[in-house]
N, C-alpha and C. Protein backbone atom coordinates (compact mmCIF):
# COMPACT_ATOMS: atom_id res chain seq x y z
N MET A 1 167.91 203.33 42.26
CA MET A 1 169.01 202.83 42.19
C MET A 1 169.90 203.35 41.23
N ALA A 2 169.33 203.93 40.56
CA ALA A 2 169.88 205.13 39.27
C ALA A 2 170.66 205.94 40.13
N LEU A 3 170.41 206.48 41.43
CA LEU A 3 171.01 207.56 41.65
C LEU A 3 172.72 206.89 42.71
N LEU A 4 172.19 205.61 43.13
CA LEU A 4 173.45 204.87 43.63
C LEU A 4 174.06 204.49 42.75
N ALA A 5 173.95 204.18 41.13
CA ALA A 5 174.71 203.88 40.24
C ALA A 5 175.52 205.01 40.25
N LEU A 6 175.25 206.25 39.99
CA LEU A 6 175.98 207.69 39.72
C LEU A 6 176.59 207.41 40.87
N PHE A 7 176.61 207.40 41.78
CA PHE A 7 177.81 207.44 42.45
C PHE A 7 178.46 206.20 43.10
N GLY A 8 178.24 204.95 42.38
CA GLY A 8 179.14 203.73 42.16
C GLY A 8 178.93 203.00 43.57
N ILE A 9 177.65 203.11 44.11
CA ILE A 9 177.30 202.43 45.29
C ILE A 9 177.06 200.92 45.20
N SER A 10 177.57 199.76 46.24
CA SER A 10 177.23 198.66 45.60
C SER A 10 176.36 198.08 46.76
N ILE A 11 175.47 197.53 45.74
CA ILE A 11 174.06 197.01 46.56
C ILE A 11 174.26 195.36 47.14
N ALA A 12 174.47 194.35 47.64
CA ALA A 12 174.55 192.91 48.07
C ALA A 12 175.13 192.56 46.66
N GLY A 13 176.45 193.14 47.07
CA GLY A 13 177.31 192.77 46.09
C GLY A 13 177.66 193.33 44.60
N LYS A 14 176.53 194.10 44.30
CA LYS A 14 176.62 194.80 42.61
C LYS A 14 177.49 195.55 42.62
N ASP A 15 178.39 195.52 41.77
CA ASP A 15 179.14 197.09 41.54
C ASP A 15 178.91 198.12 40.82
N PHE A 16 178.20 198.86 40.54
CA PHE A 16 177.42 199.77 39.61
C PHE A 16 178.64 200.35 38.94
N MET A 17 179.39 200.22 39.28
CA MET A 17 180.73 201.03 38.11
C MET A 17 181.17 200.28 37.63
N SER A 18 181.24 198.82 37.32
CA SER A 18 182.21 198.06 36.86
C SER A 18 181.77 197.95 35.32
N ASP A 19 180.77 198.62 35.06
CA ASP A 19 180.39 198.53 33.18
C ASP A 19 181.06 199.96 33.20
N ARG A 20 181.30 200.96 33.85
CA ARG A 20 181.81 202.15 33.25
C ARG A 20 182.92 201.89 33.34
N GLN A 21 184.15 200.91 33.94
CA GLN A 21 185.34 201.06 33.97
C GLN A 21 186.29 200.83 33.30
N ALA A 22 185.94 200.81 32.13
CA ALA A 22 186.58 200.62 30.59
C ALA A 22 187.20 201.73 30.30
N PRO A 23 188.45 201.37 30.30
CA PRO A 23 189.82 202.60 29.93
C PRO A 23 189.37 203.28 28.38
N GLN A 24 189.06 204.32 28.63
CA GLN A 24 188.88 205.51 27.50
C GLN A 24 190.07 205.38 27.01
N PRO A 25 190.39 206.02 25.64
CA PRO A 25 191.29 206.20 24.97
C PRO A 25 191.97 207.68 25.32
N LYS A 26 193.23 208.07 25.81
CA LYS A 26 193.86 208.96 26.61
C LYS A 26 193.91 210.11 25.33
N LYS A 27 193.69 211.53 25.74
CA LYS A 27 193.11 211.93 24.86
C LYS A 27 194.81 213.40 25.32
N LYS A 28 194.60 214.31 24.22
CA LYS A 28 195.85 215.07 24.27
C LYS A 28 195.20 216.89 24.19
N ILE A 29 195.18 217.48 25.20
CA ILE A 29 194.47 218.59 25.83
C ILE A 29 195.51 219.58 25.62
N ILE A 30 194.65 221.04 24.44
CA ILE A 30 195.39 222.12 24.84
C ILE A 30 194.66 223.22 25.57
N VAL A 31 195.54 223.84 26.58
CA VAL A 31 194.69 224.56 27.38
C VAL A 31 195.77 226.21 27.30
N SER A 32 194.41 227.16 27.54
CA SER A 32 195.26 228.63 27.36
C SER A 32 194.87 229.46 28.03
N GLY A 33 194.99 230.70 28.72
CA GLY A 33 194.00 231.38 29.57
C GLY A 33 194.48 231.09 30.89
N GLU A 34 193.16 231.41 32.06
CA GLU A 34 193.39 230.76 33.27
C GLU A 34 193.31 229.26 33.23
N GLU A 35 192.74 228.63 32.47
CA GLU A 35 192.73 226.97 32.51
C GLU A 35 194.49 226.87 32.30
N ALA A 36 195.19 227.37 31.59
CA ALA A 36 196.55 227.20 31.56
C ALA A 36 197.16 227.68 32.79
N LEU A 37 196.53 228.31 33.29
CA LEU A 37 197.26 228.83 34.75
C LEU A 37 196.95 227.86 35.82
N ARG A 38 195.70 227.55 36.12
CA ARG A 38 195.40 226.19 36.76
C ARG A 38 196.41 225.04 36.65
N VAL A 39 196.04 224.64 35.19
CA VAL A 39 197.15 223.34 34.69
C VAL A 39 198.27 223.59 35.39
N ALA A 40 199.28 224.75 35.07
CA ALA A 40 201.01 224.90 35.21
C ALA A 40 200.86 224.40 36.72
N ASP A 41 200.14 225.14 37.38
CA ASP A 41 200.41 225.15 38.85
C ASP A 41 199.80 223.92 39.44
N ALA A 42 199.01 222.98 38.87
CA ALA A 42 198.96 221.69 39.99
C ALA A 42 199.67 220.84 39.26
N LEU A 43 200.37 220.95 37.66
CA LEU A 43 201.73 219.95 37.61
C LEU A 43 202.91 219.96 38.08
N THR A 44 202.68 219.35 39.29
CA THR A 44 204.22 219.13 40.35
C THR A 44 204.77 218.08 40.16
N ALA A 45 205.72 218.10 40.52
CA ALA A 45 206.39 216.67 40.88
C ALA A 45 205.68 215.72 41.64
N THR A 46 204.68 215.75 42.35
CA THR A 46 203.83 214.58 42.95
C THR A 46 202.88 214.31 41.98
N THR A 47 202.42 215.20 41.30
CA THR A 47 201.24 215.21 40.65
C THR A 47 201.69 214.27 38.90
N MET A 48 202.78 215.16 38.34
CA MET A 48 203.25 213.95 37.44
C MET A 48 203.35 212.52 37.70
N LYS A 49 204.03 212.38 39.12
CA LYS A 49 204.41 211.07 39.48
C LYS A 49 202.89 210.29 39.28
N ILE A 50 202.00 210.79 39.76
CA ILE A 50 200.95 210.24 40.38
C ILE A 50 200.11 210.05 38.44
N LEU A 51 200.34 210.70 37.85
CA LEU A 51 199.70 210.73 36.29
C LEU A 51 200.37 209.37 35.91
N GLN A 52 201.94 209.63 35.79
CA GLN A 52 202.71 208.40 35.18
C GLN A 52 202.26 207.25 35.96
N LEU A 53 201.91 207.33 37.65
CA LEU A 53 201.85 205.56 38.02
C LEU A 53 200.39 205.05 37.30
N LEU A 54 199.74 205.99 36.96
CA LEU A 54 198.24 205.76 36.51
C LEU A 54 198.21 205.54 35.00
N TRP A 55 199.44 205.78 33.97
CA TRP A 55 199.40 205.62 32.98
C TRP A 55 198.87 204.61 32.40
N ASP A 56 199.13 203.35 33.11
CA ASP A 56 198.36 201.98 32.12
C ASP A 56 197.20 201.31 33.15
N LYS A 57 197.38 201.53 34.15
CA LYS A 57 196.21 200.98 35.12
C LYS A 57 195.78 201.64 36.05
N PRO A 58 194.41 201.55 36.47
CA PRO A 58 193.94 201.88 37.56
C PRO A 58 194.76 201.59 38.35
N LEU A 59 194.63 202.42 39.57
CA LEU A 59 194.76 202.31 40.86
C LEU A 59 194.01 203.20 42.03
N ASP A 60 193.88 202.40 43.61
CA ASP A 60 193.37 203.41 44.16
C ASP A 60 193.99 204.40 44.81
N VAL A 61 193.36 204.81 45.56
CA VAL A 61 194.21 206.27 46.01
C VAL A 61 195.03 205.64 47.44
N THR A 62 194.89 204.68 48.00
CA THR A 62 195.48 204.21 48.92
C THR A 62 196.73 203.43 48.48
N THR A 63 196.29 202.68 46.91
CA THR A 63 197.70 201.96 46.69
C THR A 63 198.71 203.09 45.74
N ILE A 64 198.14 204.07 45.88
CA ILE A 64 199.11 205.78 44.67
C ILE A 64 199.50 205.86 46.45
N GLY A 65 199.52 206.41 47.12
CA GLY A 65 200.35 206.36 48.31
C GLY A 65 201.34 205.62 48.61
N LYS A 66 201.14 204.48 48.82
CA LYS A 66 201.73 203.85 49.11
C LYS A 66 203.31 203.34 48.21
N LYS A 67 202.68 203.07 47.31
CA LYS A 67 203.56 203.90 45.94
C LYS A 67 204.76 204.45 46.01
N LEU A 68 204.03 205.74 46.33
CA LEU A 68 204.80 206.91 46.68
C LEU A 68 204.91 207.52 47.75
N GLY A 69 204.68 206.57 48.46
CA GLY A 69 205.55 206.93 50.32
C GLY A 69 204.74 207.89 50.48
N LEU A 70 203.84 208.48 50.06
CA LEU A 70 203.00 209.97 50.79
C LEU A 70 201.69 209.35 51.50
N SER A 71 201.01 209.97 52.59
CA SER A 71 199.63 209.90 53.23
C SER A 71 198.81 209.62 52.03
N GLN A 72 197.59 208.97 52.67
CA GLN A 72 196.46 208.76 51.46
C GLN A 72 195.72 210.44 51.26
N SER A 73 195.74 210.85 52.57
CA SER A 73 195.02 212.47 52.67
C SER A 73 195.79 213.32 51.39
N TYR A 74 196.87 212.82 51.19
CA TYR A 74 197.45 214.20 50.50
C TYR A 74 197.36 213.57 49.08
N ILE A 75 197.43 212.28 49.10
CA ILE A 75 196.71 211.54 47.56
C ILE A 75 195.59 212.13 47.13
N SER A 76 194.73 211.95 48.08
CA SER A 76 193.11 212.36 47.62
C SER A 76 193.03 213.63 47.38
N GLU A 77 193.81 214.61 47.94
CA GLU A 77 193.76 216.04 47.58
C GLU A 77 194.23 216.49 46.17
N GLN A 78 195.44 215.60 46.08
CA GLN A 78 196.12 216.04 44.89
C GLN A 78 194.88 215.78 43.76
N VAL A 79 194.94 213.83 44.01
CA VAL A 79 193.86 213.43 43.14
C VAL A 79 192.45 214.24 42.77
N LYS A 80 191.82 215.01 43.72
CA LYS A 80 190.88 216.01 43.02
C LYS A 80 191.22 216.65 42.68
N LEU A 81 192.19 217.30 42.78
CA LEU A 81 192.80 218.74 41.97
C LEU A 81 193.15 218.09 40.14
N LEU A 82 193.48 217.11 40.05
CA LEU A 82 193.68 216.44 38.94
C LEU A 82 192.28 216.08 38.07
N GLU A 83 191.67 215.46 39.15
CA GLU A 83 190.22 215.28 38.52
C GLU A 83 189.00 216.84 38.27
N GLU A 84 189.68 217.30 38.80
CA GLU A 84 188.47 218.71 38.76
C GLU A 84 189.69 219.47 37.22
N LEU A 85 190.71 218.89 37.17
CA LEU A 85 191.09 219.21 35.87
C LEU A 85 191.16 218.41 34.30
N LYS A 86 190.13 217.66 34.72
CA LYS A 86 190.08 216.54 33.87
C LYS A 86 191.28 215.90 33.22
N LEU A 87 192.33 215.73 34.20
CA LEU A 87 193.72 215.06 33.82
C LEU A 87 193.41 213.82 34.26
N LEU A 88 192.45 213.19 35.56
CA LEU A 88 192.27 211.86 35.30
C LEU A 88 190.79 211.48 35.66
N ASN A 89 190.55 209.97 35.35
CA ASN A 89 189.25 209.67 35.76
C ASN A 89 189.18 208.81 36.93
N VAL A 90 187.87 209.36 37.59
CA VAL A 90 187.72 208.82 38.81
C VAL A 90 186.39 208.02 38.84
N SER A 91 186.92 206.51 39.39
CA SER A 91 185.16 206.03 39.43
C SER A 91 185.47 204.93 40.94
N TYR A 92 184.54 204.48 41.54
CA TYR A 92 184.25 204.10 42.65
C TYR A 92 183.59 202.83 42.33
N THR A 93 184.47 201.96 43.73
CA THR A 93 184.42 200.53 43.70
C THR A 93 184.49 199.90 44.97
N THR A 94 183.50 198.42 45.20
CA THR A 94 183.95 198.23 46.71
C THR A 94 185.34 198.03 46.94
N GLY A 95 185.67 198.14 48.05
CA GLY A 95 186.63 197.49 48.75
C GLY A 95 186.52 196.42 50.18
N LYS A 96 187.54 196.07 51.01
CA LYS A 96 187.19 195.64 51.92
C LYS A 96 186.55 196.24 52.89
N ARG A 97 186.94 197.51 53.41
CA ARG A 97 186.19 198.31 54.00
C ARG A 97 185.36 199.44 53.58
N GLY A 98 184.72 199.48 52.95
CA GLY A 98 183.96 200.46 52.06
C GLY A 98 184.16 200.86 50.69
N ILE A 99 184.05 201.72 50.05
CA ILE A 99 183.99 202.21 48.65
C ILE A 99 185.61 202.78 48.46
N ARG A 100 186.24 202.20 47.63
CA ARG A 100 187.33 202.68 47.24
C ARG A 100 187.21 203.59 45.90
N LYS A 101 188.24 204.72 45.80
CA LYS A 101 188.47 205.52 44.95
C LYS A 101 189.37 205.49 44.12
N VAL A 102 189.16 205.01 42.86
CA VAL A 102 189.69 204.08 41.71
C VAL A 102 190.67 205.27 40.73
N CYS A 103 191.42 205.52 40.32
CA CYS A 103 191.91 206.62 39.43
C CYS A 103 192.70 205.90 38.14
N LEU A 104 192.66 206.46 37.28
CA LEU A 104 193.09 206.38 35.86
C LEU A 104 194.09 207.55 34.81
N SER A 105 194.86 208.14 34.69
CA SER A 105 195.21 209.20 34.08
C SER A 105 194.28 208.51 32.57
N SER A 106 194.00 210.24 32.09
CA SER A 106 193.14 210.47 31.32
C SER A 106 193.44 211.36 30.23
N VAL A 107 194.79 211.79 30.08
CA VAL A 107 195.76 212.42 28.91
C VAL A 107 196.53 211.90 28.83
N GLU A 108 197.04 212.03 27.73
CA GLU A 108 198.02 211.81 27.24
C GLU A 108 199.06 212.95 27.11
N ALA A 109 198.69 214.07 26.39
CA ALA A 109 199.70 215.03 26.85
C ALA A 109 198.55 216.29 26.98
N VAL A 110 199.27 217.19 27.48
CA VAL A 110 199.41 218.58 27.81
C VAL A 110 199.85 219.56 27.07
N THR A 111 198.65 220.64 26.58
CA THR A 111 200.06 221.66 25.53
C THR A 111 199.66 223.00 26.59
N LEU A 112 200.35 223.73 26.57
CA LEU A 112 199.88 224.85 27.46
C LEU A 112 200.08 225.98 26.77
N LEU A 113 199.14 226.72 26.02
CA LEU A 113 199.16 227.93 25.14
C LEU A 113 199.85 228.93 25.96
N ILE A 114 201.09 229.92 25.93
CA ILE A 114 201.01 231.00 26.66
C ILE A 114 200.49 232.13 26.29
N LYS A 115 200.34 232.11 25.17
CA LYS A 115 199.20 233.39 24.42
C LYS A 115 198.11 232.96 23.54
N ASP A 116 196.74 233.28 23.82
CA ASP A 116 195.53 232.70 23.14
C ASP A 116 196.14 233.73 21.91
N THR A 117 195.62 232.79 20.31
CA THR A 117 195.57 233.73 19.48
C THR A 117 194.52 233.80 19.00
């Protein structure tokens, strides 16, 4: 059961992620070097729109796609990138047809340092 909870899998209507979905305070991050390059490369018009959409309430990937007029697969790709960079928090919950990936912005500001000091 613990492994199932880790992946947010539901058994008999029990949502294992519900107690882990409380909004965390948004953080301000400072990145430099290679990480700054990855973040700068990831911050496109689309990813900025995703972060803005997820600022105050969590949305699933399908809803994000509908609101932005983009495909679910493209949104999933962008969400994965933002999650890897720790700019989004992602959790899983039960949906009408399986498990939904629910996202929420985790950062308030990102500062890119051009040169490490």
